[in-house]
Protein backbone atom coordinates (compact mmCIF):
# COMPACT_ATOMS: atom_id res chain seq x y z
CA MET A 1 -26.77 -3.83 31.17
CA PHE A 2 -24.19 -6.53 31.64
CA ASN A 3 -20.48 -7.07 31.38
CA VAL A 4 -19.89 -8.99 28.14
CA LEU A 5 -16.32 -10.01 28.92
CA GLY A 6 -17.66 -13.31 30.20
CA ILE A 7 -19.47 -13.85 26.92
CA VAL A 8 -16.34 -13.07 24.97
CA TYR A 9 -14.37 -15.62 26.95
CA LEU A 10 -16.89 -18.28 26.00
CA PHE A 11 -15.97 -17.79 22.35
CA ILE A 12 -12.29 -18.59 22.85
CA ALA A 13 -11.41 -22.07 21.59
CA ALA A 14 -8.14 -23.94 21.66
CA VAL A 15 -6.62 -24.49 18.23
CA THR A 16 -5.89 -28.17 17.78
CA ALA A 17 -5.07 -28.29 14.08
CA SER A 18 -1.49 -28.88 13.05
CA ALA A 19 0.68 -26.02 11.88
CA ASN A 20 0.45 -27.32 8.32
CA ASP A 21 -3.34 -27.32 7.97
CA ARG A 22 -4.26 -24.56 10.42
CA THR A 23 -6.32 -21.69 8.98
CA SER A 24 -7.31 -18.49 10.72
CA THR A 25 -10.90 -17.91 11.67
CA PRO A 26 -12.23 -14.60 12.98
CA GLY A 27 -12.82 -14.98 16.68
CA PRO A 28 -13.31 -12.78 19.73
CA SER A 29 -10.61 -12.62 22.35
CA SER A 30 -10.24 -11.33 25.89
CA ILE A 31 -9.29 -7.88 24.60
CA PHE A 32 -11.52 -5.35 22.88
CA LEU A 33 -10.75 -5.45 19.16
CA TRP A 34 -11.87 -2.85 16.63
CA ALA A 35 -10.61 -2.54 13.06
CA ARG A 36 -11.45 -0.27 10.16
CA LEU A 37 -11.36 -1.78 6.66
CA GLN A 38 -8.64 -0.23 4.51
CA THR A 39 -9.19 -0.34 0.74
CA LYS A 40 -7.02 0.54 -2.23
CA THR A 41 -9.53 2.37 -4.40
CA ASP A 42 -11.97 4.09 -2.05
CA PRO A 43 -10.61 7.54 -1.18
CA TYR A 44 -13.06 7.74 1.72
CA TRP A 45 -12.18 4.47 3.47
CA ASN A 46 -10.83 6.48 6.43
CA ARG A 47 -13.66 9.01 6.47
CA HIS A 48 -13.91 10.52 9.98
CA ALA A 49 -11.26 8.07 11.21
CA GLU A 50 -9.86 10.75 13.48
CA TYR A 51 -12.81 10.01 15.78
CA ASP A 52 -12.25 6.24 15.95
CA ASP A 53 -10.34 6.63 19.21
CA SER A 54 -13.27 8.43 20.83
CA LEU A 55 -15.79 5.90 19.55
CA VAL A 56 -13.74 2.91 20.68
CA ALA A 57 -13.08 4.50 24.07
CA PHE A 58 -16.82 4.94 24.55
CA ILE A 59 -17.61 1.31 23.69
CA ALA A 60 -14.74 -0.09 25.73
CA SER A 61 -15.51 1.97 28.83
CA HIS A 62 -19.14 0.86 28.88
CA ALA A 63 -19.09 -2.72 27.61
CA PHE A 64 -15.49 -3.79 28.29
CA PRO A 65 -14.38 -1.92 31.42
CA GLY A 66 -10.73 -2.54 32.19
CA ALA A 67 -10.07 -4.47 28.98
CA ARG A 68 -7.06 -3.81 26.79
CA VAL A 69 -8.06 -2.07 23.55
CA GLN A 70 -6.63 -2.92 20.15
CA LEU A 71 -7.60 -0.45 17.43
CA GLY A 72 -6.26 -0.73 13.90
CA ASN A 73 -6.73 -0.49 10.16
CA VAL A 74 -6.86 -3.77 8.28
CA PRO A 75 -6.27 -4.08 4.50
CA ALA A 76 -9.13 -5.73 2.62
CA SER A 77 -6.56 -7.69 0.60
CA GLN A 78 -5.09 -9.43 3.66
CA LEU A 79 -7.32 -12.25 4.85
CA GLU A 80 -5.16 -13.36 7.75
CA ALA A 81 -4.98 -9.80 9.07
CA MET A 82 -8.76 -9.45 8.87
CA CYS A 83 -9.21 -12.73 10.69
CA GLU A 84 -7.54 -11.25 13.76
CA TYR A 85 -10.76 -9.28 14.27
CA PRO A 86 -14.26 -10.71 14.81
CA PHE A 87 -15.72 -7.34 13.79
CA ILE A 88 -14.62 -4.92 11.08
CA TYR A 89 -15.96 -1.42 10.49
CA SER A 90 -16.21 0.00 6.97
CA GLN A 91 -17.44 3.18 5.31
CA SER A 92 -18.31 1.21 2.18
CA ILE A 93 -17.25 -1.90 0.29
CA SER A 94 -18.72 -0.87 -3.06
CA ALA A 95 -15.31 0.16 -4.43
CA LEU A 96 -13.39 -2.96 -3.43
CA GLU A 97 -11.13 -4.47 -6.06
CA GLU A 98 -12.04 -8.02 -7.08
CA ASN A 99 -9.24 -9.55 -5.03
CA GLU A 100 -10.24 -7.48 -2.01
CA LEU A 101 -13.87 -8.54 -2.35
CA THR A 102 -12.81 -12.18 -2.55
CA GLN A 103 -10.77 -11.86 0.63
CA VAL A 104 -13.56 -10.04 2.47
CA ALA A 105 -16.02 -12.72 1.38
CA GLU A 106 -13.76 -15.45 2.75
CA TYR A 107 -13.46 -13.51 6.01
CA LEU A 108 -17.26 -13.50 6.23
CA ARG A 109 -17.45 -17.21 5.40
CA ARG A 110 -15.16 -17.92 8.33
CA GLY A 111 -17.52 -16.15 10.70
CA GLY A 112 -16.38 -12.54 10.49
CA PHE A 113 -18.75 -9.59 10.63
CA LEU A 114 -18.91 -6.25 8.83
CA PHE A 115 -20.51 -3.06 10.09
CA ILE A 116 -20.93 -0.82 7.06
CA ASP A 117 -21.57 2.77 8.09
CA LEU A 118 -22.31 4.93 5.07
CA CYS A 119 -21.17 8.55 5.24
CA ARG A 120 -24.18 10.78 4.63
CA ASN A 121 -22.33 13.68 3.06
CA ILE A 122 -23.92 14.12 -0.36
CA GLN A 123 -20.49 14.71 -1.92
CA VAL A 124 -19.26 11.33 -0.67
CA ASN A 125 -22.37 9.24 -1.32
CA PRO A 126 -24.78 11.24 -3.48
CA ASP A 127 -27.30 8.38 -3.80
CA PRO A 128 -27.56 6.11 -0.72
CA ASP A 129 -30.15 3.87 -2.36
CA LYS A 130 -27.82 3.23 -5.27
CA VAL A 131 -24.97 2.47 -2.86
CA LEU A 132 -27.16 -0.10 -1.09
CA GLU A 133 -28.01 -1.74 -4.42
CA THR A 134 -24.33 -1.84 -5.32
CA HIS A 135 -23.43 -3.50 -2.03
CA VAL A 136 -26.06 -6.20 -2.54
CA ALA A 137 -25.00 -6.81 -6.14
CA ARG A 138 -21.30 -7.05 -5.31
CA LEU A 139 -21.78 -9.38 -2.37
CA ARG A 140 -24.04 -11.60 -4.45
CA THR A 141 -21.16 -12.22 -6.84
CA GLU A 142 -19.58 -14.08 -3.91
CA PHE A 143 -22.79 -15.20 -2.20
CA PRO A 144 -25.57 -15.83 -4.75
CA GLU A 145 -27.86 -16.88 -1.90
CA LEU A 146 -27.41 -13.57 -0.04
CA THR A 147 -30.59 -11.98 1.26
CA LEU A 148 -31.18 -8.40 2.37
CA ARG A 149 -33.70 -7.53 5.01
CA THR A 150 -34.71 -4.49 6.99
CA VAL A 151 -33.68 -4.77 10.63
CA GLU A 152 -36.83 -4.79 12.70
CA THR A 153 -37.18 -2.38 15.62
CA SER A 154 -37.15 -5.32 18.06
CA HIS A 155 -33.68 -6.39 16.87
CA PRO A 156 -30.83 -6.55 19.43
CA ALA A 157 -29.10 -3.75 17.53
CA TYR A 158 -31.52 -1.43 19.31
CA SER A 159 -31.51 -2.99 22.76
CA LEU A 160 -28.76 -5.56 23.37
CA PHE A 161 -26.80 -3.27 25.71
CA PHE A 162 -28.30 0.19 25.39
CA VAL A 163 -32.06 0.44 24.97
CA LEU A 164 -32.64 3.05 22.27
CA LYS A 165 -35.71 5.24 22.01
CA ASP A 166 -35.40 6.12 18.30
CA ARG A 167 -35.26 3.06 16.03
CA PRO A 168 -33.43 3.92 13.86
CA ILE A 169 -31.86 7.12 15.06
CA PRO A 170 -32.47 10.15 12.83
CA SER A 171 -30.08 11.00 10.04
CA ALA A 172 -27.33 13.53 10.69
CA GLY A 173 -26.26 13.76 7.08
CA THR A 174 -27.05 16.04 4.21
CA HIS A 175 -29.65 13.73 2.61
CA GLY A 176 -32.18 14.23 5.38
CA ARG A 177 -34.07 10.95 4.94
CA ALA A 178 -33.89 8.49 7.82
CA TYR A 179 -33.14 4.93 6.71
CA PRO A 180 -33.58 1.73 8.70
CA LEU A 181 -30.67 -0.59 9.37
CA TYR A 182 -30.18 -3.36 6.82
CA ALA A 183 -28.96 -6.89 7.49
CA PHE A 184 -27.08 -9.01 4.94
CA GLU A 185 -27.82 -12.67 5.61
CA LEU A 186 -26.59 -16.07 4.49
CA GLN A 187 -28.99 -18.91 5.29
CA GLY A 188 -30.31 -17.00 8.29
CA ARG A 189 -26.89 -15.90 9.57
CA THR A 190 -26.23 -12.17 9.59
CA ILE A 191 -22.81 -11.43 8.10
CA ALA A 192 -23.11 -7.64 7.97
CA ILE A 193 -25.26 -4.75 9.08
CA MET A 194 -25.40 -1.57 7.02
CA ALA A 195 -26.31 1.81 8.50
CA MET A 196 -27.26 4.56 6.08
CA ASN A 197 -27.95 7.44 8.45
CA GLY A 198 -24.37 8.54 8.86
CA PHE A 199 -23.49 7.30 12.34
CA GLN A 200 -19.87 8.29 11.70
CA CYS A 201 -21.02 11.74 10.65
CA THR A 202 -23.03 11.99 13.86
CA TRP A 203 -20.22 11.11 16.23
CA SER A 204 -17.69 13.27 14.40
CA GLY A 205 -18.08 16.76 12.98
CA TYR A 206 -21.84 16.97 13.31
CA ALA A 207 -21.93 16.24 17.02
CA LYS A 208 -18.68 15.43 18.81
CA ILE A 209 -18.89 12.69 21.41
CA ASP A 210 -15.84 14.02 23.23
CA GLY A 211 -16.75 17.31 24.86
CA ARG A 212 -20.07 18.61 23.56
CA LYS A 213 -22.18 15.49 23.72
CA SER A 214 -25.59 15.51 22.09
CA ALA A 215 -28.48 13.09 22.25
CA LEU A 216 -27.99 12.19 18.59
CA ALA A 217 -24.29 11.50 18.97
CA THR A 218 -24.90 9.43 22.07
CA ALA A 219 -27.56 7.38 20.28
CA ALA A 220 -25.13 6.76 17.41
CA VAL A 221 -22.34 5.38 19.60
CA GLN A 222 -24.86 3.39 21.63
CA THR A 223 -26.15 1.77 18.44
CA ALA A 224 -22.58 0.98 17.40
CA THR A 225 -22.04 -0.64 20.79
CA ASN A 226 -25.14 -2.79 20.37
CA ILE A 227 -24.11 -3.85 16.87
CA TYR A 228 -20.62 -4.76 18.04
CA LEU A 229 -21.97 -6.95 20.83
CA TYR A 230 -24.54 -8.48 18.50
CA ALA A 231 -21.72 -9.44 16.14
CA LEU A 232 -20.04 -11.35 18.97
CA THR A 233 -23.17 -13.08 20.26
CA ARG A 234 -25.16 -13.84 17.08
């Protein structure tokens, strides 16, 4: 393990553009930043959000000890607000309005990163495979060259900070099937990783990470930690 604060500092660049032509770009800072994507039409955008504090506290205490934490919700329609965060967490982007999708796409073009963590409750997402297809189709309206690939077990998402035994971790949701992680790529650059095994379900009601810790919940937050750090160092 290593302290990534030094890595984060390396990403900080002085802004030299004039006030008239300056545009925001998503970039890491010396504080630990975590945002959840807020959408207008998805009633589940804040699914399990009551556990965000616990998740962020876990990541910060292990990877960013002593750092100031900034946790927030960021509207998908507000590009400048999204660009304050190098990493944005989302339950799904399949229900984004067209304007929201356009703004999210521009955020990704500027170097931002999405971690899409599908809830595995069958009442929320009855067909995970269909949701994956929808995500690919919607993103390809903005990025025709988008490619989807299965994240290999040797990927940093499984070992960058925490070395995970199960790759991927088993599903905690009501579908039962264990899916791999999926990477959305533009010309070899990963702009998003999608998890379909219900990490948020695992670290919330299924197995609380505050109090009664379980191996599955721990693996879920460890994977989230790895993905966050990968987003900063890719």
